[in-house]
Amino acid sequence: AANNQLEDEQRHGITIESRGIIYCPDYVINAGGLINVYNEMIGYEEEKAFEQLDNIYSTIKEILLLADEQKINTGEAARQLAEQRILEIKKSKFQLI
């Protein structure tokens, strides 16, 4: 299966990291499919879609740096980054009201 590779992301994330395996959650790695579907729904523009796809690399890099800086596994770093981005979006929406 391509999704949910680790039964317990926290526990198994630490285990595979100790073996030198770099892990990133499926919702980050597989974001390209969602990006493509979204762009098809709003009127596909190849250049715009590829620009958004390029952001996956930046996001993974940010996750790896956060994990290293905070000495946490990449699954936890991805979760923290996702929560931070969601809060930023919520704040910006409240400012528009």
PDB file of N, CA and C in Angstrom:
ATOM      1  N   ALA A   1       0.842  -1.183   0.000  1.00  0.00           N
ATOM      2  CA  ALA A   1       0.000   0.000   0.000  1.00  0.00           C
ATOM      3  C   ALA A   1       0.885   1.243   0.000  1.00  0.00           C
ATOM      4  N   ALA A   2       0.432   2.248  -0.705  1.00  0.00           N
ATOM      5  CA  ALA A   2       1.206   3.481  -0.820  1.00  0.00           C
ATOM      6  C   ALA A   2       0.964   4.419   0.359  1.00  0.00           C
ATOM      7  N   ASN A   3      -0.150   4.269   1.042  1.00  0.00           N
ATOM      8  CA  ASN A   3      -0.497   5.186   2.124  1.00  0.00           C
ATOM      9  C   ASN A   3      -0.346   4.530   3.486  1.00  0.00           C
ATOM     10  N   ASN A   4      -0.136   5.381   4.482  1.00  0.00           N
ATOM     11  CA  ASN A   4      -0.054   4.939   5.879  1.00  0.00           C
ATOM     12  C   ASN A   4       0.936   3.788   6.055  1.00  0.00           C
ATOM     13  N   GLN A   5       2.150   4.029   5.675  1.00  0.00           N
ATOM     14  CA  GLN A   5       3.184   2.992   5.710  1.00  0.00           C
ATOM     15  C   GLN A   5       3.542   2.550   7.129  1.00  0.00           C
ATOM     16  N   LEU A   6       3.430   3.443   8.080  1.00  0.00           N
ATOM     17  CA  LEU A   6       3.784   3.107   9.456  1.00  0.00           C
ATOM     18  C   LEU A   6       2.519   2.980  10.300  1.00  0.00           C
ATOM     19  N   GLU A   7       2.376   1.845  10.958  1.00  0.00           N
ATOM     20  CA  GLU A   7       1.195   1.629  11.800  1.00  0.00           C
ATOM     21  C   GLU A   7       1.159   2.650  12.937  1.00  0.00           C
ATOM     22  N   ASP A   8       2.289   2.852  13.580  1.00  0.00           N
ATOM     23  CA  ASP A   8       2.425   3.832  14.655  1.00  0.00           C
ATOM     24  C   ASP A   8       3.547   4.776  14.232  1.00  0.00           C
ATOM     25  N   GLU A   9       3.167   5.917  13.681  1.00  0.00           N
ATOM     26  CA  GLU A   9       4.147   6.823  13.085  1.00  0.00           C
ATOM     27  C   GLU A   9       5.223   7.258  14.079  1.00  0.00           C
ATOM     28  N   GLN A  10       4.838   7.513  15.314  1.00  0.00           N
ATOM     29  CA  GLN A  10       5.799   7.954  16.323  1.00  0.00           C
ATOM     30  C   GLN A  10       6.805   6.843  16.632  1.00  0.00           C
ATOM     31  N   ARG A  11       6.311   5.699  17.020  1.00  0.00           N
ATOM     32  CA  ARG A  11       7.184   4.594  17.427  1.00  0.00           C
ATOM     33  C   ARG A  11       7.987   4.047  16.251  1.00  0.00           C
ATOM     34  N   HIS A  12       7.312   3.755  15.145  1.00  0.00           N
ATOM     35  CA  HIS A  12       8.005   3.174  13.999  1.00  0.00           C
ATOM     36  C   HIS A  12       8.891   4.196  13.296  1.00  0.00           C
ATOM     37  N   GLY A  13       8.505   5.482  13.382  1.00  0.00           N
ATOM     38  CA  GLY A  13       9.339   6.534  12.812  1.00  0.00           C
ATOM     39  C   GLY A  13      10.706   6.576  13.466  1.00  0.00           C
ATOM     40  N   ILE A  14      10.734   6.417  14.772  1.00  0.00           N
ATOM     41  CA  ILE A  14      12.001   6.389  15.509  1.00  0.00           C
ATOM     42  C   ILE A  14      12.811   5.161  15.108  1.00  0.00           C
ATOM     43  N   THR A  15      12.140   4.024  14.973  1.00  0.00           N
ATOM     44  CA  THR A  15      12.824   2.779  14.606  1.00  0.00           C
ATOM     45  C   THR A  15      13.488   2.882  13.245  1.00  0.00           C
ATOM     46  N   ILE A  16      12.758   3.327  12.238  1.00  0.00           N
ATOM     47  CA  ILE A  16      13.359   3.376  10.902  1.00  0.00           C
ATOM     48  C   ILE A  16      14.415   4.466  10.803  1.00  0.00           C
ATOM     49  N   GLU A  17      14.224   5.551  11.552  1.00  0.00           N
ATOM     50  CA  GLU A  17      15.233   6.615  11.557  1.00  0.00           C
ATOM     51  C   GLU A  17      16.549   6.091  12.123  1.00  0.00           C
ATOM     52  N   SER A  18      16.466   5.261  13.159  1.00  0.00           N
ATOM     53  CA  SER A  18      17.683   4.700  13.758  1.00  0.00           C
ATOM     54  C   SER A  18      18.410   3.768  12.794  1.00  0.00           C
ATOM     55  N   ARG A  19      17.697   3.311  11.771  1.00  0.00           N
ATOM     56  CA  ARG A  19      18.299   2.445  10.750  1.00  0.00           C
ATOM     57  C   ARG A  19      18.747   3.234   9.519  1.00  0.00           C
ATOM     58  N   GLY A  20      18.667   4.561   9.601  1.00  0.00           N
ATOM     59  CA  GLY A  20      19.121   5.401   8.503  1.00  0.00           C
ATOM     60  C   GLY A  20      18.117   5.582   7.383  1.00  0.00           C
ATOM     61  N   ILE A  21      16.846   5.266   7.651  1.00  0.00           N
ATOM     62  CA  ILE A  21      15.798   5.399   6.636  1.00  0.00           C
ATOM     63  C   ILE A  21      15.083   6.730   6.845  1.00  0.00           C
ATOM     64  N   ILE A  22      15.008   7.521   5.784  1.00  0.00           N
ATOM     65  CA  ILE A  22      14.309   8.801   5.862  1.00  0.00           C
ATOM     66  C   ILE A  22      12.850   8.567   5.484  1.00  0.00           C
ATOM     67  N   TYR A  23      11.954   8.993   6.358  1.00  0.00           N
ATOM     68  CA  TYR A  23      10.518   8.806   6.158  1.00  0.00           C
ATOM     69  C   TYR A  23       9.829  10.165   6.098  1.00  0.00           C
ATOM     70  N   CYS A  24       8.856  10.267   5.236  1.00  0.00           N
ATOM     71  CA  CYS A  24       8.001  11.446   5.184  1.00  0.00           C
ATOM     72  C   CYS A  24       6.571  10.935   4.979  1.00  0.00           C
ATOM     73  N   PRO A  25       5.611  11.460   5.719  1.00  0.00           N
ATOM     74  CA  PRO A  25       4.241  10.950   5.639  1.00  0.00           C
ATOM     75  C   PRO A  25       3.653  11.009   4.234  1.00  0.00           C
ATOM     76  N   ASP A  26       2.740  10.092   3.978  1.00  0.00           N
ATOM     77  CA  ASP A  26       2.120   9.994   2.651  1.00  0.00           C
ATOM     78  C   ASP A  26       1.391  11.265   2.248  1.00  0.00           C
ATOM     79  N   TYR A  27       0.823  11.992   3.211  1.00  0.00           N
ATOM     80  CA  TYR A  27       0.101  13.212   2.835  1.00  0.00           C
ATOM     81  C   TYR A  27       1.036  14.300   2.314  1.00  0.00           C
ATOM     82  N   VAL A  28       2.330  14.164   2.569  1.00  0.00           N
ATOM     83  CA  VAL A  28       3.315  15.090   1.997  1.00  0.00           C
ATOM     84  C   VAL A  28       3.809  14.550   0.658  1.00  0.00           C
ATOM     85  N   ILE A  29       4.254  13.315   0.659  1.00  0.00           N
ATOM     86  CA  ILE A  29       4.822  12.696  -0.542  1.00  0.00           C
ATOM     87  C   ILE A  29       3.797  12.621  -1.673  1.00  0.00           C
ATOM     88  N   ASN A  30       2.554  12.302  -1.339  1.00  0.00           N
ATOM     89  CA  ASN A  30       1.520  12.110  -2.360  1.00  0.00           C
ATOM     90  C   ASN A  30       0.740  13.382  -2.687  1.00  0.00           C
ATOM     91  N   ALA A  31       1.208  14.518  -2.247  1.00  0.00           N
ATOM     92  CA  ALA A  31       0.486  15.774  -2.477  1.00  0.00           C
ATOM     93  C   ALA A  31       0.326  16.092  -3.961  1.00  0.00           C
ATOM     94  N   GLY A  32       1.194  15.578  -4.794  1.00  0.00           N
ATOM     95  CA  GLY A  32       1.124  15.852  -6.231  1.00  0.00           C
ATOM     96  C   GLY A  32      -0.195  15.436  -6.849  1.00  0.00           C
ATOM     97  N   GLY A  33      -0.737  14.322  -6.417  1.00  0.00           N
ATOM     98  CA  GLY A  33      -2.024  13.862  -6.943  1.00  0.00           C
ATOM     99  C   GLY A  33      -3.141  14.829  -6.604  1.00  0.00           C
ATOM    100  N   LEU A  34      -3.157  15.285  -5.376  1.00  0.00           N
ATOM    101  CA  LEU A  34      -4.176  16.242  -4.937  1.00  0.00           C
ATOM    102  C   LEU A  34      -4.014  17.577  -5.665  1.00  0.00           C
ATOM    103  N   ILE A  35      -2.775  18.011  -5.817  1.00  0.00           N
ATOM    104  CA  ILE A  35      -2.500  19.258  -6.543  1.00  0.00           C
ATOM    105  C   ILE A  35      -3.020  19.157  -7.974  1.00  0.00           C
ATOM    106  N   ASN A  36      -2.768  18.039  -8.615  1.00  0.00           N
ATOM    107  CA  ASN A  36      -3.204  17.855  -9.997  1.00  0.00           C
ATOM    108  C   ASN A  36      -4.732  17.864 -10.115  1.00  0.00           C
ATOM    109  N   VAL A  37      -5.411  17.150  -9.226  1.00  0.00           N
ATOM    110  CA  VAL A  37      -6.876  17.105  -9.253  1.00  0.00           C
ATOM    111  C   VAL A  37      -7.450  18.501  -9.021  1.00  0.00           C
ATOM    112  N   TYR A  38      -6.898  19.209  -8.048  1.00  0.00           N
ATOM    113  CA  TYR A  38      -7.363  20.572  -7.767  1.00  0.00           C
ATOM    114  C   TYR A  38      -7.233  21.451  -9.006  1.00  0.00           C
ATOM    115  N   ASN A  39      -6.084  21.378  -9.663  1.00  0.00           N
ATOM    116  CA  ASN A  39      -5.870  22.202 -10.850  1.00  0.00           C
ATOM    117  C   ASN A  39      -6.798  21.811 -11.996  1.00  0.00           C
ATOM    118  N   GLU A  40      -7.109  20.537 -12.112  1.00  0.00           N
ATOM    119  CA  GLU A  40      -8.068  20.112 -13.132  1.00  0.00           C
ATOM    120  C   GLU A  40      -9.455  20.686 -12.850  1.00  0.00           C
ATOM    121  N   MET A  41      -9.805  20.791 -11.575  1.00  0.00           N
ATOM    122  CA  MET A  41     -11.119  21.302 -11.194  1.00  0.00           C
ATOM    123  C   MET A  41     -11.265  22.795 -11.476  1.00  0.00           C
ATOM    124  N   ILE A  42     -10.176  23.546 -11.330  1.00  0.00           N
ATOM    125  CA  ILE A  42     -10.279  25.003 -11.490  1.00  0.00           C
ATOM    126  C   ILE A  42      -9.874  25.482 -12.882  1.00  0.00           C
ATOM    127  N   GLY A  43      -9.497  24.560 -13.737  1.00  0.00           N
ATOM    128  CA  GLY A  43      -9.047  24.944 -15.078  1.00  0.00           C
ATOM    129  C   GLY A  43      -7.543  24.772 -15.170  1.00  0.00           C
ATOM    130  N   TYR A  44      -7.137  23.654 -15.680  1.00  0.00           N
ATOM    131  CA  TYR A  44      -5.732  23.244 -15.655  1.00  0.00           C
ATOM    132  C   TYR A  44      -4.822  24.205 -16.414  1.00  0.00           C
ATOM    133  N   GLU A  45      -3.811  24.690 -15.707  1.00  0.00           N
ATOM    134  CA  GLU A  45      -2.734  25.479 -16.302  1.00  0.00           C
ATOM    135  C   GLU A  45      -1.436  24.778 -15.927  1.00  0.00           C
ATOM    136  N   GLU A  46      -0.778  24.185 -16.906  1.00  0.00           N
ATOM    137  CA  GLU A  46       0.394  23.350 -16.646  1.00  0.00           C
ATOM    138  C   GLU A  46       1.471  24.083 -15.850  1.00  0.00           C
ATOM    139  N   GLU A  47       1.771  25.305 -16.224  1.00  0.00           N
ATOM    140  CA  GLU A  47       2.836  26.052 -15.543  1.00  0.00           C
ATOM    141  C   GLU A  47       2.511  26.253 -14.065  1.00  0.00           C
ATOM    142  N   LYS A  48       1.267  26.608 -13.783  1.00  0.00           N
ATOM    143  CA  LYS A  48       0.837  26.813 -12.396  1.00  0.00           C
ATOM    144  C   LYS A  48       0.903  25.504 -11.608  1.00  0.00           C
ATOM    145  N   ALA A  49       0.452  24.420 -12.220  1.00  0.00           N
ATOM    146  CA  ALA A  49       0.473  23.116 -11.553  1.00  0.00           C
ATOM    147  C   ALA A  49       1.906  22.693 -11.235  1.00  0.00           C
ATOM    148  N   PHE A  50       2.814  22.855 -12.186  1.00  0.00           N
ATOM    149  CA  PHE A  50       4.203  22.468 -11.951  1.00  0.00           C
ATOM    150  C   PHE A  50       4.861  23.348 -10.891  1.00  0.00           C
ATOM    151  N   GLU A  51       4.479  24.606 -10.838  1.00  0.00           N
ATOM    152  CA  GLU A  51       4.986  25.506  -9.805  1.00  0.00           C
ATOM    153  C   GLU A  51       4.575  24.991  -8.422  1.00  0.00           C
ATOM    154  N   GLN A  52       3.315  24.594  -8.311  1.00  0.00           N
ATOM    155  CA  GLN A  52       2.816  24.061  -7.046  1.00  0.00           C
ATOM    156  C   GLN A  52       3.486  22.735  -6.705  1.00  0.00           C
ATOM    157  N   LEU A  53       3.727  21.906  -7.704  1.00  0.00           N
ATOM    158  CA  LEU A  53       4.403  20.627  -7.475  1.00  0.00           C
ATOM    159  C   LEU A  53       5.822  20.841  -6.965  1.00  0.00           C
ATOM    160  N   ASP A  54       6.487  21.875  -7.463  1.00  0.00           N
ATOM    161  CA  ASP A  54       7.840  22.182  -6.996  1.00  0.00           C
ATOM    162  C   ASP A  54       7.867  22.486  -5.501  1.00  0.00           C
ATOM    163  N   ASN A  55       6.747  22.957  -4.963  1.00  0.00           N
ATOM    164  CA  ASN A  55       6.683  23.265  -3.534  1.00  0.00           C
ATOM    165  C   ASN A  55       6.767  22.016  -2.660  1.00  0.00           C
ATOM    166  N   ILE A  56       6.469  20.856  -3.211  1.00  0.00           N
ATOM    167  CA  ILE A  56       6.580  19.617  -2.431  1.00  0.00           C
ATOM    168  C   ILE A  56       8.027  19.432  -1.977  1.00  0.00           C
ATOM    169  N   TYR A  57       8.973  19.676  -2.875  1.00  0.00           N
ATOM    170  CA  TYR A  57      10.398  19.567  -2.530  1.00  0.00           C
ATOM    171  C   TYR A  57      10.730  20.505  -1.371  1.00  0.00           C
ATOM    172  N   SER A  58      10.277  21.758  -1.461  1.00  0.00           N
ATOM    173  CA  SER A  58      10.553  22.742  -0.412  1.00  0.00           C
ATOM    174  C   SER A  58       9.942  22.311   0.918  1.00  0.00           C
ATOM    175  N   THR A  59       8.748  21.761   0.856  1.00  0.00           N
ATOM    176  CA  THR A  59       8.074  21.310   2.072  1.00  0.00           C
ATOM    177  C   THR A  59       8.832  20.156   2.716  1.00  0.00           C
ATOM    178  N   ILE A  60       9.269  19.204   1.917  1.00  0.00           N
ATOM    179  CA  ILE A  60      10.032  18.071   2.458  1.00  0.00           C
ATOM    180  C   ILE A  60      11.337  18.564   3.075  1.00  0.00           C
ATOM    181  N   LYS A  61      11.990  19.477   2.404  1.00  0.00           N
ATOM    182  CA  LYS A  61      13.234  20.044   2.938  1.00  0.00           C
ATOM    183  C   LYS A  61      12.966  20.734   4.277  1.00  0.00           C
ATOM    184  N   GLU A  62      11.874  21.481   4.350  1.00  0.00           N
ATOM    185  CA  GLU A  62      11.503  22.160   5.590  1.00  0.00           C
ATOM    186  C   GLU A  62      11.227  21.153   6.711  1.00  0.00           C
ATOM    187  N   ILE A  63      10.560  20.059   6.382  1.00  0.00           N
ATOM    188  CA  ILE A  63      10.278  19.005   7.365  1.00  0.00           C
ATOM    189  C   ILE A  63      11.574  18.389   7.878  1.00  0.00           C
ATOM    190  N   LEU A  64      12.487  18.074   6.972  1.00  0.00           N
ATOM    191  CA  LEU A  64      13.757  17.466   7.370  1.00  0.00           C
ATOM    192  C   LEU A  64      14.573  18.406   8.251  1.00  0.00           C
ATOM    193  N   LEU A  65      14.598  19.684   7.919  1.00  0.00           N
ATOM    194  CA  LEU A  65      15.330  20.663   8.732  1.00  0.00           C
ATOM    195  C   LEU A  65      14.699  20.814  10.114  1.00  0.00           C
ATOM    196  N   LEU A  66      13.369  20.888  10.167  1.00  0.00           N
ATOM    197  CA  LEU A  66      12.666  21.010  11.440  1.00  0.00           C
ATOM    198  C   LEU A  66      12.934  19.795  12.323  1.00  0.00           C
ATOM    199  N   ALA A  67      12.871  18.616  11.734  1.00  0.00           N
ATOM    200  CA  ALA A  67      13.134  17.385  12.490  1.00  0.00           C
ATOM    201  C   ALA A  67      14.548  17.394  13.057  1.00  0.00           C
ATOM    202  N   ASP A  68      15.497  17.812  12.251  1.00  0.00           N
ATOM    203  CA  ASP A  68      16.892  17.857  12.692  1.00  0.00           C
ATOM    204  C   ASP A  68      17.090  18.898  13.791  1.00  0.00           C
ATOM    205  N   GLU A  69      16.540  20.086  13.602  1.00  0.00           N
ATOM    206  CA  GLU A  69      16.692  21.165  14.582  1.00  0.00           C
ATOM    207  C   GLU A  69      16.053  20.821  15.921  1.00  0.00           C
ATOM    208  N   GLN A  70      14.872  20.214  15.888  1.00  0.00           N
ATOM    209  CA  GLN A  70      14.139  19.922  17.121  1.00  0.00           C
ATOM    210  C   GLN A  70      14.407  18.517  17.661  1.00  0.00           C
ATOM    211  N   LYS A  71      15.228  17.763  16.939  1.00  0.00           N
ATOM    212  CA  LYS A  71      15.549  16.383  17.349  1.00  0.00           C
ATOM    213  C   LYS A  71      14.280  15.548  17.523  1.00  0.00           C
ATOM    214  N   ILE A  72      13.406  15.644  16.506  1.00  0.00           N
ATOM    215  CA  ILE A  72      12.181  14.855  16.480  1.00  0.00           C
ATOM    216  C   ILE A  72      12.157  14.064  15.177  1.00  0.00           C
ATOM    217  N   ASN A  73      11.279  13.061  15.090  1.00  0.00           N
ATOM    218  CA  ASN A  73      11.221  12.311  13.832  1.00  0.00           C
ATOM    219  C   ASN A  73      10.462  13.115  12.777  1.00  0.00           C
ATOM    220  N   THR A  74      10.621  12.727  11.543  1.00  0.00           N
ATOM    221  CA  THR A  74      10.053  13.493  10.433  1.00  0.00           C
ATOM    222  C   THR A  74       8.521  13.472  10.417  1.00  0.00           C
ATOM    223  N   GLY A  75       7.923  12.403  10.915  1.00  0.00           N
ATOM    224  CA  GLY A  75       6.464  12.360  11.001  1.00  0.00           C
ATOM    225  C   GLY A  75       5.935  13.437  11.931  1.00  0.00           C
ATOM    226  N   GLU A  76       6.590  13.593  13.074  1.00  0.00           N
ATOM    227  CA  GLU A  76       6.207  14.631  14.031  1.00  0.00           C
ATOM    228  C   GLU A  76       6.468  16.016  13.447  1.00  0.00           C
ATOM    229  N   ALA A  77       7.581  16.185  12.767  1.00  0.00           N
ATOM    230  CA  ALA A  77       7.900  17.479  12.146  1.00  0.00           C
ATOM    231  C   ALA A  77       6.856  17.841  11.093  1.00  0.00           C
ATOM    232  N   ALA A  78       6.437  16.866  10.299  1.00  0.00           N
ATOM    233  CA  ALA A  78       5.420  17.108   9.269  1.00  0.00           C
ATOM    234  C   ALA A  78       4.099  17.511   9.913  1.00  0.00           C
ATOM    235  N   ARG A  79       3.741  16.843  10.999  1.00  0.00           N
ATOM    236  CA  ARG A  79       2.501  17.162  11.705  1.00  0.00           C
ATOM    237  C   ARG A  79       2.549  18.587  12.255  1.00  0.00           C
ATOM    238  N   GLN A  80       3.681  18.952  12.863  1.00  0.00           N
ATOM    239  CA  GLN A  80       3.822  20.302  13.410  1.00  0.00           C
ATOM    240  C   GLN A  80       3.721  21.363  12.311  1.00  0.00           C
ATOM    241  N   LEU A  81       4.384  21.113  11.198  1.00  0.00           N
ATOM    242  CA  LEU A  81       4.350  22.055  10.082  1.00  0.00           C
ATOM    243  C   LEU A  81       2.928  22.192   9.530  1.00  0.00           C
ATOM    244  N   ALA A  82       2.226  21.072   9.402  1.00  0.00           N
ATOM    245  CA  ALA A  82       0.842  21.104   8.907  1.00  0.00           C
ATOM    246  C   ALA A  82      -0.049  21.907   9.852  1.00  0.00           C
ATOM    247  N   GLU A  83       0.086  21.670  11.151  1.00  0.00           N
ATOM    248  CA  GLU A  83      -0.718  22.401  12.130  1.00  0.00           C
ATOM    249  C   GLU A  83      -0.416  23.894  12.079  1.00  0.00           C
ATOM    250  N   GLN A  84       0.860  24.235  11.938  1.00  0.00           N
ATOM    251  CA  GLN A  84       1.267  25.638  11.852  1.00  0.00           C
ATOM    252  C   GLN A  84       0.639  26.305  10.627  1.00  0.00           C
ATOM    253  N   ARG A  85       0.671  25.629   9.497  1.00  0.00           N
ATOM    254  CA  ARG A  85       0.099  26.193   8.266  1.00  0.00           C
ATOM    255  C   ARG A  85      -1.416  26.348   8.370  1.00  0.00           C
ATOM    256  N   ILE A  86      -2.074  25.383   8.997  1.00  0.00           N
ATOM    257  CA  ILE A  86      -3.526  25.474   9.183  1.00  0.00           C
ATOM    258  C   ILE A  86      -3.876  26.667  10.070  1.00  0.00           C
ATOM    259  N   LEU A  87      -3.122  26.862  11.155  1.00  0.00           N
ATOM    260  CA  LEU A  87      -3.365  28.005  12.039  1.00  0.00           C
ATOM    261  C   LEU A  87      -3.154  29.328  11.310  1.00  0.00           C
ATOM    262  N   GLU A  88      -2.125  29.400  10.473  1.00  0.00           N
ATOM    263  CA  GLU A  88      -1.864  30.620   9.707  1.00  0.00           C
ATOM    264  C   GLU A  88      -3.022  30.930   8.763  1.00  0.00           C
ATOM    265  N   ILE A  89      -3.575  29.903   8.139  1.00  0.00           N
ATOM    266  CA  ILE A  89      -4.713  30.101   7.236  1.00  0.00           C
ATOM    267  C   ILE A  89      -5.936  30.566   8.024  1.00  0.00           C
ATOM    268  N   LYS A  90      -6.176  29.939   9.182  1.00  0.00           N
ATOM    269  CA  LYS A  90      -7.308  30.347  10.017  1.00  0.00           C
ATOM    270  C   LYS A  90      -7.182  31.813  10.419  1.00  0.00           C
ATOM    271  N   LYS A  91      -5.982  32.222  10.833  1.00  0.00           N
ATOM    272  CA  LYS A  91      -5.763  33.608  11.245  1.00  0.00           C
ATOM    273  C   LYS A  91      -6.007  34.565  10.091  1.00  0.00           C
ATOM    274  N   SER A  92      -5.525  34.221   8.912  1.00  0.00           N
ATOM    275  CA  SER A  92      -5.695  35.115   7.763  1.00  0.00           C
ATOM    276  C   SER A  92      -7.165  35.223   7.363  1.00  0.00           C
ATOM    277  N   LYS A  93      -7.935  34.157   7.519  1.00  0.00           N
ATOM    278  CA  LYS A  93      -9.367  34.208   7.195  1.00  0.00           C
ATOM    279  C   LYS A  93     -10.112  35.090   8.186  1.00  0.00           C
ATOM    280  N   PHE A  94      -9.727  35.024   9.466  1.00  0.00           N
ATOM    281  CA  PHE A  94     -10.382  35.859  10.460  1.00  0.00           C
ATOM    282  C   PHE A  94     -10.073  37.330  10.226  1.00  0.00           C
ATOM    283  N   GLN A  95      -8.916  37.628   9.699  1.00  0.00           N
ATOM    284  CA  GLN A  95      -8.548  39.018   9.428  1.00  0.00           C
ATOM    285  C   GLN A  95      -9.349  39.588   8.270  1.00  0.00           C
ATOM    286  N   LEU A  96      -9.842  38.722   7.388  1.00  0.00           N
ATOM    287  CA  LEU A  96     -10.617  39.178   6.243  1.00  0.00           C
ATOM    288  C   LEU A  96     -12.059  39.504   6.610  1.00  0.00           C
ATOM    289  N   ILE A  97     -12.514  38.998   7.750  1.00  0.00           N
ATOM    290  CA  ILE A  97     -13.918  39.191   8.156  1.00  0.00           C
ATOM    291  C   ILE A  97     -14.111  40.573   8.745  1.00  0.00           C
TER     292      ILE A  97
END
